[in-house]
Amino acid sequence: MPQLDLSTYLSQVFWLIVAFGLLFAFLCYYITPHLGGIIKNRGDKIKSDLLQAEQLKKNAKSLDDNIEVEIRNAHKAANQRITKAVQECQEKLAESMIEKENEIVEKALLSENKINKFIEESKDNIDELVHAIAQTITERLLSKPVSRHDITNQIKLAQKLVKKT
């Protein structure tokens, strides 16, 4: 094996030093600065992102506070509108209740007047019927005509007797 040959050790060591020296120089002067720049850029980007996130968090907090205030104001306005609508409905209901009560009272008075009129007419009709029946019965029992005046006097007399008892 040529690697183990003692006569080539010196040249192998030389090329080993040259190869590793070049590799070391390449790493130190090219790769490491690039990696350092990348790491620095990433660190700056992370700091920038953290600052931006903090700013966005503050903005979100202020927006959240504003939204809560707006929601409270909207709830207050809605409650006021609801209260106003309820009051208007209650007023309209009270007005319509009064109107309906007045209509009912008016209809009740009309009905009462009609009933009273019907009762009066019925009394007149009953008086007429009583006179006619009394006259017919009396004429049939006595077999002679009886005047309306006599029947009226007899009915009045009977009514007085009924009222006394």
N, C-alpha and C. Protein backbone atom coordinates (compact mmCIF):
# COMPACT_ATOMS: atom_id res chain seq x y z
N MET A 1 0.84 -1.17 0.00
CA MET A 1 0.00 0.00 0.00
C MET A 1 0.89 1.24 0.00
N PRO A 2 0.55 2.16 -0.88
CA PRO A 2 1.43 3.31 -1.02
C PRO A 2 1.29 4.29 0.14
N GLN A 3 0.19 4.27 0.86
CA GLN A 3 0.01 5.22 1.96
C GLN A 3 0.94 4.88 3.13
N LEU A 4 1.29 3.63 3.24
CA LEU A 4 2.12 3.20 4.36
C LEU A 4 3.62 3.22 4.02
N ASP A 5 3.92 3.61 2.83
CA ASP A 5 5.32 3.65 2.40
C ASP A 5 5.99 4.84 3.06
N LEU A 6 7.13 4.61 3.77
CA LEU A 6 7.80 5.64 4.54
C LEU A 6 8.46 6.69 3.66
N SER A 7 8.76 6.40 2.48
CA SER A 7 9.42 7.36 1.62
C SER A 7 8.46 8.47 1.18
N THR A 8 7.16 8.25 1.24
CA THR A 8 6.19 9.25 0.80
C THR A 8 5.56 10.00 1.96
N TYR A 9 6.02 9.74 3.19
CA TYR A 9 5.40 10.39 4.35
C TYR A 9 5.57 11.90 4.30
N LEU A 10 6.70 12.39 3.92
CA LEU A 10 6.97 13.81 3.92
C LEU A 10 6.07 14.53 2.92
N SER A 11 5.94 14.00 1.76
CA SER A 11 5.07 14.64 0.77
C SER A 11 3.61 14.55 1.21
N GLN A 12 3.25 13.44 1.84
CA GLN A 12 1.86 13.30 2.31
C GLN A 12 1.57 14.30 3.42
N VAL A 13 2.50 14.53 4.32
CA VAL A 13 2.32 15.47 5.40
C VAL A 13 2.23 16.89 4.82
N PHE A 14 3.09 17.20 3.83
CA PHE A 14 3.05 18.51 3.19
C PHE A 14 1.68 18.77 2.58
N TRP A 15 1.21 17.84 1.78
CA TRP A 15 -0.09 18.03 1.13
C TRP A 15 -1.24 18.01 2.15
N LEU A 16 -1.04 17.30 3.22
CA LEU A 16 -2.05 17.31 4.28
C LEU A 16 -2.13 18.70 4.90
N ILE A 17 -0.99 19.31 5.18
CA ILE A 17 -0.97 20.64 5.77
C ILE A 17 -1.52 21.65 4.77
N VAL A 18 -1.15 21.54 3.51
CA VAL A 18 -1.63 22.47 2.49
C VAL A 18 -3.15 22.33 2.34
N ALA A 19 -3.63 21.09 2.26
CA ALA A 19 -5.08 20.85 2.05
C ALA A 19 -5.87 21.37 3.26
N PHE A 20 -5.41 21.03 4.46
CA PHE A 20 -6.14 21.49 5.64
C PHE A 20 -5.97 22.99 5.86
N GLY A 21 -4.85 23.54 5.46
CA GLY A 21 -4.66 24.99 5.55
C GLY A 21 -5.61 25.72 4.63
N LEU A 22 -5.70 25.23 3.38
CA LEU A 22 -6.65 25.83 2.43
C LEU A 22 -8.09 25.68 2.93
N LEU A 23 -8.38 24.50 3.43
CA LEU A 23 -9.73 24.26 3.97
C LEU A 23 -10.00 25.19 5.15
N PHE A 24 -9.00 25.35 6.03
CA PHE A 24 -9.14 26.23 7.18
C PHE A 24 -9.32 27.68 6.73
N ALA A 25 -8.52 28.12 5.77
CA ALA A 25 -8.62 29.49 5.27
C ALA A 25 -9.98 29.70 4.61
N PHE A 26 -10.42 28.72 3.82
CA PHE A 26 -11.73 28.83 3.17
C PHE A 26 -12.84 28.94 4.21
N LEU A 27 -12.75 28.12 5.24
CA LEU A 27 -13.76 28.15 6.30
C LEU A 27 -13.70 29.47 7.08
N CYS A 28 -12.50 29.92 7.43
CA CYS A 28 -12.37 31.12 8.25
C CYS A 28 -12.73 32.40 7.50
N TYR A 29 -12.32 32.50 6.25
CA TYR A 29 -12.49 33.76 5.54
C TYR A 29 -13.70 33.82 4.61
N TYR A 30 -14.29 32.69 4.33
CA TYR A 30 -15.44 32.73 3.43
C TYR A 30 -16.70 32.18 4.10
N ILE A 31 -16.65 30.97 4.57
CA ILE A 31 -17.85 30.32 5.12
C ILE A 31 -18.25 30.96 6.44
N THR A 32 -17.35 31.12 7.38
CA THR A 32 -17.69 31.66 8.69
C THR A 32 -18.25 33.09 8.60
N PRO A 33 -17.67 34.01 7.81
CA PRO A 33 -18.29 35.33 7.71
C PRO A 33 -19.69 35.28 7.11
N HIS A 34 -19.86 34.41 6.10
CA HIS A 34 -21.20 34.27 5.53
C HIS A 34 -22.18 33.73 6.57
N LEU A 35 -21.75 32.72 7.30
CA LEU A 35 -22.62 32.16 8.36
C LEU A 35 -22.87 33.21 9.43
N GLY A 36 -21.86 33.99 9.79
CA GLY A 36 -22.04 35.06 10.77
C GLY A 36 -23.04 36.09 10.28
N GLY A 37 -22.94 36.44 8.99
CA GLY A 37 -23.90 37.38 8.41
C GLY A 37 -25.31 36.82 8.42
N ILE A 38 -25.40 35.56 8.07
CA ILE A 38 -26.73 34.92 8.06
C ILE A 38 -27.29 34.88 9.48
N ILE A 39 -26.44 34.51 10.44
CA ILE A 39 -26.90 34.45 11.83
C ILE A 39 -27.29 35.84 12.32
N LYS A 40 -26.46 36.86 11.98
CA LYS A 40 -26.78 38.23 12.37
C LYS A 40 -28.09 38.68 11.72
N ASN A 41 -28.27 38.38 10.43
CA ASN A 41 -29.52 38.75 9.74
C ASN A 41 -30.72 38.06 10.38
N ARG A 42 -30.54 36.80 10.71
CA ARG A 42 -31.64 36.08 11.36
C ARG A 42 -31.95 36.67 12.73
N GLY A 43 -30.91 37.02 13.48
CA GLY A 43 -31.12 37.64 14.79
C GLY A 43 -31.85 38.97 14.65
N ASP A 44 -31.40 39.78 13.66
CA ASP A 44 -32.07 41.06 13.42
C ASP A 44 -33.52 40.84 13.00
N LYS A 45 -33.72 39.85 12.13
CA LYS A 45 -35.09 39.55 11.66
C LYS A 45 -35.97 39.10 12.83
N ILE A 46 -35.41 38.28 13.71
CA ILE A 46 -36.17 37.81 14.88
C ILE A 46 -36.51 38.99 15.79
N LYS A 47 -35.51 39.88 16.03
CA LYS A 47 -35.78 41.06 16.87
C LYS A 47 -36.85 41.94 16.23
N SER A 48 -36.71 42.13 14.91
CA SER A 48 -37.70 42.94 14.19
C SER A 48 -39.09 42.30 14.29
N ASP A 49 -39.14 40.99 14.09
CA ASP A 49 -40.43 40.29 14.18
C ASP A 49 -41.01 40.38 15.59
N LEU A 50 -40.14 40.27 16.60
CA LEU A 50 -40.61 40.38 17.98
C LEU A 50 -41.15 41.78 18.26
N LEU A 51 -40.43 42.81 17.78
CA LEU A 51 -40.91 44.18 17.96
C LEU A 51 -42.24 44.40 17.23
N GLN A 52 -42.29 43.86 16.01
CA GLN A 52 -43.53 44.00 15.23
C GLN A 52 -44.67 43.24 15.92
N ALA A 53 -44.38 42.05 16.44
CA ALA A 53 -45.40 41.28 17.15
C ALA A 53 -45.88 42.02 18.39
N GLU A 54 -44.94 42.65 19.10
CA GLU A 54 -45.31 43.42 20.28
C GLU A 54 -46.20 44.61 19.90
N GLN A 55 -45.81 45.29 18.82
CA GLN A 55 -46.62 46.42 18.34
C GLN A 55 -48.01 45.94 17.91
N LEU A 56 -48.06 44.82 17.18
CA LEU A 56 -49.35 44.27 16.76
C LEU A 56 -50.19 43.85 17.96
N LYS A 57 -49.51 43.33 18.98
CA LYS A 57 -50.23 42.94 20.20
C LYS A 57 -50.84 44.16 20.87
N LYS A 58 -50.07 45.26 20.92
CA LYS A 58 -50.60 46.50 21.49
C LYS A 58 -51.77 47.02 20.66
N ASN A 59 -51.61 46.98 19.34
CA ASN A 59 -52.71 47.42 18.46
C ASN A 59 -53.95 46.56 18.65
N ALA A 60 -53.73 45.25 18.75
CA ALA A 60 -54.85 44.34 18.96
C ALA A 60 -55.54 44.62 20.29
N LYS A 61 -54.73 44.90 21.31
CA LYS A 61 -55.30 45.21 22.63
C LYS A 61 -56.13 46.49 22.56
N SER A 62 -55.60 47.52 21.88
CA SER A 62 -56.36 48.77 21.79
C SER A 62 -57.62 48.57 20.95
N LEU A 63 -57.51 47.77 19.87
CA LEU A 63 -58.70 47.47 19.07
C LEU A 63 -59.73 46.69 19.88
N ASP A 64 -59.24 45.75 20.68
CA ASP A 64 -60.14 44.97 21.52
C ASP A 64 -60.85 45.87 22.53
N ASP A 65 -60.10 46.80 23.11
CA ASP A 65 -60.72 47.76 24.04
C ASP A 65 -61.75 48.63 23.33
N ASN A 66 -61.40 49.09 22.13
CA ASN A 66 -62.34 49.91 21.34
C ASN A 66 -63.59 49.12 20.99
N ILE A 67 -63.40 47.85 20.63
CA ILE A 67 -64.54 47.00 20.28
C ILE A 67 -65.44 46.81 21.50
N GLU A 68 -64.83 46.58 22.67
CA GLU A 68 -65.63 46.42 23.89
C GLU A 68 -66.43 47.68 24.19
N VAL A 69 -65.78 48.84 24.01
CA VAL A 69 -66.49 50.10 24.25
C VAL A 69 -67.65 50.24 23.26
N GLU A 70 -67.39 49.93 21.99
CA GLU A 70 -68.44 50.02 20.97
C GLU A 70 -69.58 49.05 21.26
N ILE A 71 -69.23 47.85 21.71
CA ILE A 71 -70.26 46.86 22.04
C ILE A 71 -71.11 47.35 23.21
N ARG A 72 -70.44 47.91 24.24
CA ARG A 72 -71.20 48.44 25.38
C ARG A 72 -72.13 49.57 24.93
N ASN A 73 -71.59 50.46 24.08
CA ASN A 73 -72.43 51.56 23.58
C ASN A 73 -73.59 51.03 22.75
N ALA A 74 -73.32 50.00 21.93
CA ALA A 74 -74.39 49.41 21.12
C ALA A 74 -75.44 48.77 22.01
N HIS A 75 -75.00 48.09 23.08
CA HIS A 75 -75.96 47.48 24.02
C HIS A 75 -76.81 48.55 24.69
N LYS A 76 -76.16 49.64 25.10
CA LYS A 76 -76.91 50.72 25.74
C LYS A 76 -77.94 51.30 24.77
N ALA A 77 -77.49 51.54 23.53
CA ALA A 77 -78.41 52.11 22.54
C ALA A 77 -79.55 51.15 22.26
N ALA A 78 -79.23 49.86 22.14
CA ALA A 78 -80.28 48.86 21.88
C ALA A 78 -81.25 48.80 23.05
N ASN A 79 -80.73 48.83 24.28
CA ASN A 79 -81.61 48.80 25.45
C ASN A 79 -82.50 50.04 25.50
N GLN A 80 -81.94 51.19 25.13
CA GLN A 80 -82.75 52.41 25.11
C GLN A 80 -83.84 52.30 24.06
N ARG A 81 -83.48 51.77 22.89
CA ARG A 81 -84.49 51.61 21.83
C ARG A 81 -85.58 50.63 22.26
N ILE A 82 -85.16 49.55 22.89
CA ILE A 82 -86.13 48.55 23.35
C ILE A 82 -87.05 49.17 24.40
N THR A 83 -86.47 49.90 25.34
CA THR A 83 -87.27 50.55 26.38
C THR A 83 -88.25 51.54 25.77
N LYS A 84 -87.77 52.31 24.81
CA LYS A 84 -88.64 53.29 24.14
C LYS A 84 -89.76 52.58 23.39
N ALA A 85 -89.41 51.49 22.67
CA ALA A 85 -90.43 50.74 21.93
C ALA A 85 -91.46 50.13 22.88
N VAL A 86 -91.00 49.61 24.01
CA VAL A 86 -91.92 49.02 24.99
C VAL A 86 -92.85 50.10 25.55
N GLN A 87 -92.30 51.28 25.84
CA GLN A 87 -93.14 52.37 26.35
C GLN A 87 -94.17 52.79 25.31
N GLU A 88 -93.74 52.89 24.04
CA GLU A 88 -94.68 53.27 22.99
C GLU A 88 -95.79 52.23 22.85
N CYS A 89 -95.39 50.95 22.91
CA CYS A 89 -96.39 49.88 22.82
C CYS A 89 -97.36 49.92 24.00
N GLN A 90 -96.83 50.19 25.19
CA GLN A 90 -97.70 50.27 26.36
C GLN A 90 -98.66 51.44 26.24
N GLU A 91 -98.16 52.57 25.72
CA GLU A 91 -99.04 53.73 25.53
C GLU A 91 -100.13 53.42 24.51
N LYS A 92 -99.74 52.80 23.40
CA LYS A 92 -100.72 52.44 22.37
C LYS A 92 -101.72 51.44 22.92
N LEU A 93 -101.22 50.48 23.70
CA LEU A 93 -102.11 49.49 24.30
C LEU A 93 -103.09 50.16 25.25
N ALA A 94 -102.60 51.10 26.07
CA ALA A 94 -103.48 51.80 27.00
C ALA A 94 -104.54 52.60 26.24
N GLU A 95 -104.11 53.27 25.16
CA GLU A 95 -105.07 54.04 24.36
C GLU A 95 -106.13 53.13 23.74
N SER A 96 -105.67 52.01 23.18
CA SER A 96 -106.64 51.11 22.55
C SER A 96 -107.55 50.46 23.60
N MET A 97 -107.00 50.20 24.81
CA MET A 97 -107.84 49.65 25.88
C MET A 97 -108.92 50.65 26.26
N ILE A 98 -108.55 51.93 26.36
CA ILE A 98 -109.53 52.97 26.70
C ILE A 98 -110.58 53.06 25.61
N GLU A 99 -110.14 53.04 24.34
CA GLU A 99 -111.09 53.09 23.22
C GLU A 99 -112.05 51.91 23.27
N LYS A 100 -111.51 50.72 23.49
CA LYS A 100 -112.35 49.52 23.53
C LYS A 100 -113.30 49.56 24.72
N GLU A 101 -112.81 50.04 25.86
CA GLU A 101 -113.69 50.16 27.02
C GLU A 101 -114.83 51.13 26.73
N ASN A 102 -114.50 52.25 26.09
CA ASN A 102 -115.54 53.22 25.73
C ASN A 102 -116.55 52.60 24.76
N GLU A 103 -116.03 51.84 23.78
CA GLU A 103 -116.93 51.17 22.84
C GLU A 103 -117.83 50.18 23.57
N ILE A 104 -117.25 49.43 24.50
CA ILE A 104 -118.03 48.44 25.25
C ILE A 104 -119.10 49.13 26.09
N VAL A 105 -118.73 50.22 26.76
CA VAL A 105 -119.70 50.96 27.57
C VAL A 105 -120.81 51.50 26.67
N GLU A 106 -120.42 52.04 25.52
CA GLU A 106 -121.41 52.58 24.58
C GLU A 106 -122.35 51.48 24.09
N LYS A 107 -121.78 50.33 23.74
CA LYS A 107 -122.62 49.22 23.28
C LYS A 107 -123.51 48.70 24.41
N ALA A 108 -122.98 48.69 25.64
CA ALA A 108 -123.78 48.24 26.78
C ALA A 108 -124.95 49.18 27.01
N LEU A 109 -124.71 50.49 26.90
CA LEU A 109 -125.80 51.46 27.06
C LEU A 109 -126.84 51.28 25.96
N LEU A 110 -126.38 51.09 24.73
CA LEU A 110 -127.33 50.86 23.63
C LEU A 110 -128.15 49.60 23.88
N SER A 111 -127.46 48.54 24.32
CA SER A 111 -128.17 47.29 24.59
C SER A 111 -129.16 47.46 25.73
N GLU A 112 -128.74 48.19 26.76
CA GLU A 112 -129.63 48.42 27.89
C GLU A 112 -130.87 49.22 27.44
N ASN A 113 -130.65 50.23 26.61
CA ASN A 113 -131.78 51.01 26.09
C ASN A 113 -132.72 50.14 25.26
N LYS A 114 -132.12 49.28 24.42
CA LYS A 114 -132.95 48.38 23.60
C LYS A 114 -133.75 47.43 24.49
N ILE A 115 -133.08 46.91 25.53
CA ILE A 115 -133.77 45.98 26.43
C ILE A 115 -134.90 46.69 27.16
N ASN A 116 -134.63 47.90 27.66
CA ASN A 116 -135.68 48.66 28.35
C ASN A 116 -136.84 48.97 27.40
N LYS A 117 -136.52 49.33 26.18
CA LYS A 117 -137.56 49.61 25.19
C LYS A 117 -138.37 48.34 24.91
N PHE A 118 -137.67 47.21 24.78
CA PHE A 118 -138.36 45.95 24.54
C PHE A 118 -139.25 45.59 25.72
N ILE A 119 -138.76 45.84 26.94
CA ILE A 119 -139.57 45.55 28.14
C ILE A 119 -140.83 46.41 28.14
N GLU A 120 -140.67 47.71 27.83
CA GLU A 120 -141.83 48.60 27.79
C GLU A 120 -142.82 48.14 26.73
N GLU A 121 -142.31 47.80 25.56
CA GLU A 121 -143.20 47.32 24.50
C GLU A 121 -143.89 46.03 24.91
N SER A 122 -143.10 45.18 25.59
CA SER A 122 -143.68 43.91 26.04
C SER A 122 -144.78 44.15 27.08
N LYS A 123 -144.55 45.13 27.98
CA LYS A 123 -145.59 45.44 28.97
C LYS A 123 -146.85 45.94 28.28
N ASP A 124 -146.64 46.81 27.28
CA ASP A 124 -147.82 47.29 26.54
C ASP A 124 -148.53 46.13 25.86
N ASN A 125 -147.76 45.27 25.25
CA ASN A 125 -148.36 44.11 24.58
C ASN A 125 -149.02 43.18 25.58
N ILE A 126 -148.40 43.01 26.74
CA ILE A 126 -148.99 42.14 27.76
C ILE A 126 -150.30 42.74 28.25
N ASP A 127 -150.30 44.07 28.47
CA ASP A 127 -151.56 44.71 28.89
C ASP A 127 -152.65 44.49 27.85
N GLU A 128 -152.26 44.64 26.60
CA GLU A 128 -153.25 44.42 25.52
C GLU A 128 -153.73 42.97 25.53
N LEU A 129 -152.79 42.05 25.67
CA LEU A 129 -153.16 40.63 25.68
C LEU A 129 -154.05 40.30 26.89
N VAL A 130 -153.67 40.85 28.05
CA VAL A 130 -154.48 40.60 29.26
C VAL A 130 -155.90 41.13 29.07
N HIS A 131 -156.01 42.32 28.51
CA HIS A 131 -157.34 42.89 28.26
C HIS A 131 -158.12 42.01 27.29
N ALA A 132 -157.45 41.60 26.22
CA ALA A 132 -158.15 40.79 25.22
C ALA A 132 -158.57 39.45 25.80
N ILE A 133 -157.67 38.82 26.55
CA ILE A 133 -158.00 37.51 27.14
C ILE A 133 -159.11 37.66 28.18
N ALA A 134 -158.98 38.68 29.03
CA ALA A 134 -160.01 38.89 30.07
C ALA A 134 -161.36 39.18 29.42
N GLN A 135 -161.36 39.98 28.39
CA GLN A 135 -162.62 40.31 27.72
C GLN A 135 -163.23 39.05 27.09
N THR A 136 -162.38 38.24 26.44
CA THR A 136 -162.89 37.03 25.80
C THR A 136 -163.43 36.06 26.84
N ILE A 137 -162.71 35.86 27.92
CA ILE A 137 -163.17 34.93 28.95
C ILE A 137 -164.46 35.43 29.58
N THR A 138 -164.51 36.71 29.89
CA THR A 138 -165.70 37.27 30.53
C THR A 138 -166.90 37.16 29.61
N GLU A 139 -166.73 37.47 28.35
CA GLU A 139 -167.84 37.39 27.40
C GLU A 139 -168.32 35.95 27.26
N ARG A 140 -167.43 35.00 27.29
CA ARG A 140 -167.85 33.61 27.13
C ARG A 140 -168.54 33.10 28.41
N LEU A 141 -168.01 33.56 29.55
CA LEU A 141 -168.65 33.11 30.79
C LEU A 141 -170.02 33.76 30.98
N LEU A 142 -170.09 35.03 30.67
CA LEU A 142 -171.35 35.76 30.89
C LEU A 142 -172.27 35.68 29.67
N SER A 143 -171.75 35.28 28.60
CA SER A 143 -172.49 35.18 27.34
C SER A 143 -173.08 36.51 26.92
N LYS A 144 -172.44 37.57 27.25
CA LYS A 144 -172.87 38.88 26.79
C LYS A 144 -171.62 39.75 26.62
N PRO A 145 -171.67 40.74 25.78
CA PRO A 145 -170.49 41.59 25.54
C PRO A 145 -170.19 42.46 26.76
N VAL A 146 -168.88 42.66 26.99
CA VAL A 146 -168.42 43.48 28.11
C VAL A 146 -167.58 44.59 27.51
N SER A 147 -167.72 45.80 28.07
CA SER A 147 -166.97 46.93 27.52
C SER A 147 -165.51 46.88 27.98
N ARG A 148 -164.68 47.47 27.18
CA ARG A 148 -163.25 47.51 27.49
C ARG A 148 -163.02 48.29 28.78
N HIS A 149 -163.79 49.28 29.02
CA HIS A 149 -163.66 50.11 30.21
C HIS A 149 -163.90 49.27 31.46
N ASP A 150 -164.90 48.41 31.44
CA ASP A 150 -165.19 47.54 32.59
C ASP A 150 -164.03 46.57 32.84
N ILE A 151 -163.50 46.03 31.77
CA ILE A 151 -162.37 45.08 31.90
C ILE A 151 -161.17 45.79 32.50
N THR A 152 -160.88 47.00 32.04
CA THR A 152 -159.74 47.77 32.55
C THR A 152 -159.91 48.04 34.03
N ASN A 153 -161.10 48.40 34.47
CA ASN A 153 -161.35 48.66 35.89
C ASN A 153 -161.14 47.40 36.71
N GLN A 154 -161.59 46.27 36.23
CA GLN A 154 -161.46 45.01 36.96
C GLN A 154 -159.97 44.58 37.06
N ILE A 155 -159.22 44.82 35.98
CA ILE A 155 -157.79 44.45 36.00
C ILE A 155 -157.04 45.33 37.00
N LYS A 156 -157.35 46.62 37.04
CA LYS A 156 -156.69 47.53 37.98
C LYS A 156 -157.02 47.12 39.41
N LEU A 157 -158.25 46.72 39.64
CA LEU A 157 -158.66 46.28 40.97
C LEU A 157 -157.90 45.02 41.36
N ALA A 158 -157.74 44.10 40.42
CA ALA A 158 -157.02 42.86 40.70
C ALA A 158 -155.53 43.14 40.98
N GLN A 159 -154.96 44.09 40.25
CA GLN A 159 -153.55 44.44 40.47
C GLN A 159 -153.36 45.05 41.85
N LYS A 160 -154.28 45.87 42.31
CA LYS A 160 -154.19 46.47 43.64
C LYS A 160 -154.26 45.39 44.71
N LEU A 161 -155.13 44.41 44.51
CA LEU A 161 -155.25 43.33 45.48
C LEU A 161 -153.96 42.49 45.52
N VAL A 162 -153.37 42.27 44.37
CA VAL A 162 -152.13 41.47 44.32
C VAL A 162 -150.99 42.22 44.99
N LYS A 163 -150.93 43.54 44.80
CA LYS A 163 -149.86 44.34 45.39
C LYS A 163 -149.98 44.38 46.91
N LYS A 164 -151.18 44.35 47.45
CA LYS A 164 -151.38 44.40 48.90
C LYS A 164 -150.90 43.12 49.55
N THR A 165 -151.00 42.03 48.89
CA THR A 165 -150.64 40.75 49.51
C THR A 165 -149.23 40.42 49.29
